[in-house]
Amino acid sequence: MFRGTSLSGFGWNSETHLIEADDEVWANLINSKPEAISLKTKKVLHYNEMLALFARDRASGEHPETSKENRF
């Protein structure tokens, strides 16, 4: 969905569980990807868990690791 678009301007609200951005930022995304309009009001309930699973690197200062390399 986001491939080929800039994600600058988007943020995560942990209280509402929504992806947030200014109206202009949403308009730019929706103009290029009309199916993205549903993301404006769709709650992402397990964001932190998905971030742990799918993030490429974690900011730890050194030795970044992928979720595949991380053993809980």
C-alpha atoms as a PDB file:
ATOM      1  CA  MET A   1       0.000   0.000   0.000  1.00  0.00           C
ATOM      2  CA  PHE A   2       2.764   2.457   0.898  1.00  0.00           C
ATOM      3  CA  ARG A   3       5.255   1.285  -1.736  1.00  0.00           C
ATOM      4  CA  GLY A   4       6.460   4.146  -3.869  1.00  0.00           C
ATOM      5  CA  THR A   5       5.130   6.830  -1.519  1.00  0.00           C
ATOM      6  CA  SER A   6       6.767   9.004   1.105  1.00  0.00           C
ATOM      7  CA  LEU A   7       5.756   8.179   4.678  1.00  0.00           C
ATOM      8  CA  SER A   8       7.005  11.493   5.977  1.00  0.00           C
ATOM      9  CA  GLY A   9       4.398  13.212   8.129  1.00  0.00           C
ATOM     10  CA  PHE A  10       2.744  10.091   9.523  1.00  0.00           C
ATOM     11  CA  GLY A  11       2.815   9.256  13.201  1.00  0.00           C
ATOM     12  CA  TRP A  12       1.416   6.726  15.660  1.00  0.00           C
ATOM     13  CA  ASN A  13      -1.028   7.634  18.445  1.00  0.00           C
ATOM     14  CA  SER A  14      -0.776   4.954  21.130  1.00  0.00           C
ATOM     15  CA  GLU A  15      -3.912   6.193  22.910  1.00  0.00           C
ATOM     16  CA  THR A  16      -6.270   6.073  19.930  1.00  0.00           C
ATOM     17  CA  HIS A  17      -4.394   3.243  18.129  1.00  0.00           C
ATOM     18  CA  LEU A  18      -4.582   5.256  14.907  1.00  0.00           C
ATOM     19  CA  ILE A  19      -2.061   6.340  12.301  1.00  0.00           C
ATOM     20  CA  GLU A  20      -2.195  10.143  12.299  1.00  0.00           C
ATOM     21  CA  ALA A  21      -1.135  12.849   9.871  1.00  0.00           C
ATOM     22  CA  ASP A  22      -2.187  16.308   8.757  1.00  0.00           C
ATOM     23  CA  ASP A  23      -5.047  16.413   6.266  1.00  0.00           C
ATOM     24  CA  GLU A  24      -2.664  17.462   3.470  1.00  0.00           C
ATOM     25  CA  VAL A  25      -0.437  14.414   4.098  1.00  0.00           C
ATOM     26  CA  TRP A  26      -3.454  12.070   4.014  1.00  0.00           C
ATOM     27  CA  ALA A  27      -4.730  13.772   0.838  1.00  0.00           C
ATOM     28  CA  ASN A  28      -1.397  13.196  -0.918  1.00  0.00           C
ATOM     29  CA  LEU A  29      -1.393   9.499   0.008  1.00  0.00           C
ATOM     30  CA  ILE A  30      -5.065   8.991  -0.888  1.00  0.00           C
ATOM     31  CA  ASN A  31      -4.579  10.762  -4.247  1.00  0.00           C
ATOM     32  CA  SER A  32      -1.813   8.316  -5.156  1.00  0.00           C
ATOM     33  CA  LYS A  33      -3.379   5.257  -3.457  1.00  0.00           C
ATOM     34  CA  PRO A  34      -7.191   5.655  -3.140  1.00  0.00           C
ATOM     35  CA  GLU A  35      -7.490   2.367  -1.212  1.00  0.00           C
ATOM     36  CA  ALA A  36      -5.507   3.976   1.637  1.00  0.00           C
ATOM     37  CA  ILE A  37      -8.540   5.996   2.746  1.00  0.00           C
ATOM     38  CA  SER A  38      -9.586   3.162   5.083  1.00  0.00           C
ATOM     39  CA  LEU A  39      -6.318   3.535   7.034  1.00  0.00           C
ATOM     40  CA  LYS A  40      -7.357   6.987   8.212  1.00  0.00           C
ATOM     41  CA  THR A  41      -9.935   5.529  10.621  1.00  0.00           C
ATOM     42  CA  LYS A  42      -8.745   1.935  11.025  1.00  0.00           C
ATOM     43  CA  LYS A  43      -7.479   1.072  14.512  1.00  0.00           C
ATOM     44  CA  VAL A  44      -4.272  -0.958  14.715  1.00  0.00           C
ATOM     45  CA  LEU A  45      -4.697  -2.818  17.990  1.00  0.00           C
ATOM     46  CA  HIS A  46      -1.415  -4.737  18.099  1.00  0.00           C
ATOM     47  CA  TYR A  47       0.944  -2.087  16.735  1.00  0.00           C
ATOM     48  CA  ASN A  48       3.714  -2.610  19.293  1.00  0.00           C
ATOM     49  CA  GLU A  49       3.686  -6.372  18.819  1.00  0.00           C
ATOM     50  CA  MET A  50       3.794  -6.003  15.018  1.00  0.00           C
ATOM     51  CA  LEU A  51       6.632  -3.523  15.336  1.00  0.00           C
ATOM     52  CA  ALA A  52       8.617  -6.055  17.363  1.00  0.00           C
ATOM     53  CA  LEU A  53       7.939  -8.755  14.775  1.00  0.00           C
ATOM     54  CA  PHE A  54       8.402  -6.843  11.541  1.00  0.00           C
ATOM     55  CA  ALA A  55      10.812  -3.960  12.240  1.00  0.00           C
ATOM     56  CA  ARG A  56      14.087  -4.303  10.362  1.00  0.00           C
ATOM     57  CA  ASP A  57      16.309  -2.791  13.009  1.00  0.00           C
ATOM     58  CA  ARG A  58      15.898  -1.628  16.558  1.00  0.00           C
ATOM     59  CA  ALA A  59      17.635   1.475  17.821  1.00  0.00           C
ATOM     60  CA  SER A  60      19.846   0.110  20.580  1.00  0.00           C
ATOM     61  CA  GLY A  61      23.005   2.045  19.893  1.00  0.00           C
ATOM     62  CA  GLU A  62      24.900  -0.858  18.378  1.00  0.00           C
ATOM     63  CA  HIS A  63      24.411  -4.329  16.959  1.00  0.00           C
ATOM     64  CA  PRO A  64      20.960  -3.829  15.392  1.00  0.00           C
ATOM     65  CA  GLU A  65      19.137  -7.083  14.844  1.00  0.00           C
ATOM     66  CA  THR A  66      16.130  -8.211  12.867  1.00  0.00           C
ATOM     67  CA  SER A  67      13.107  -9.829  14.459  1.00  0.00           C
ATOM     68  CA  LYS A  68      14.193 -13.124  12.849  1.00  0.00           C
ATOM     69  CA  GLU A  69      17.487 -12.949  14.714  1.00  0.00           C
ATOM     70  CA  ASN A  70      15.865 -11.988  18.002  1.00  0.00           C
ATOM     71  CA  ARG A  71      15.116 -14.923  20.246  1.00  0.00           C
ATOM     72  CA  PHE A  72      12.652 -14.075  22.992  1.00  0.00           C
END
